[in-house]
């Protein structure tokens, strides 16, 4: 009886050790949720029941997984020095992720996501919308898709980003509407500074509502807007 209990204990400890190793490897191979606000829904690619679940801190983001955030909700994922920040009212899917080959592809069906990319090959980290594909040549950028406008946007915070074959530098970005043949170029340098969103930003937003997506990360300077919850984690590691 004692021998049987000892054997059972050994088997349990072995299985527990394997489980811990598996979790550890997942955390090293994939991006892990480090921050959530509000309710974030999560549909795992491996879940045969296709049931949406509530995403929690320390959950792992794997290829094929889909994330939905509601009004005021968001989630941050970290992988080494790479960050993925999914903003409110966003439908996001991780299409591909290979940490060995240093390749990743993300898809923003609607809403907004911000990326700071490291540990990936030049041009091998892509973030797409229904109308745009942004390939990283630099470090940090935002991707947006506005359903009402049927337009995808990319803004570059650091380095260079190639959007639909056109290269954009820090402080600039591109926009592509459904059915358009050429990408529109935008300049954000006077709209957003190191201090935040300027008065020029406020005026420009009247013609370009998409700019409101920037307010969680870039606080108004010289004017007020209380319609967006500040992103507590933006710019922090």
Foldseek 3Di string as FASTA:
>chain_A
DVVVVVVVVVVVVVVVVVVVVVLVVLLQQFWFWADKDDWKWKADPPDPVRDIDTDDGGDTAAAFMKIAAAVQIWIWIDHPPKIKIFDHGWIKGWHDGGLVQQATEIETAAAKMKIFDDSHDFQRYWYYYPFKIKGHRWTIKMWHAHPVQQKIKIAAQAAWIAMPNRIDHHQKIWMDHVPDDDIDIGGRDVQADPQFGEVVVVVVCVVPVVSVSCCLDGPYDPDHDDSHHHDPCPPHD
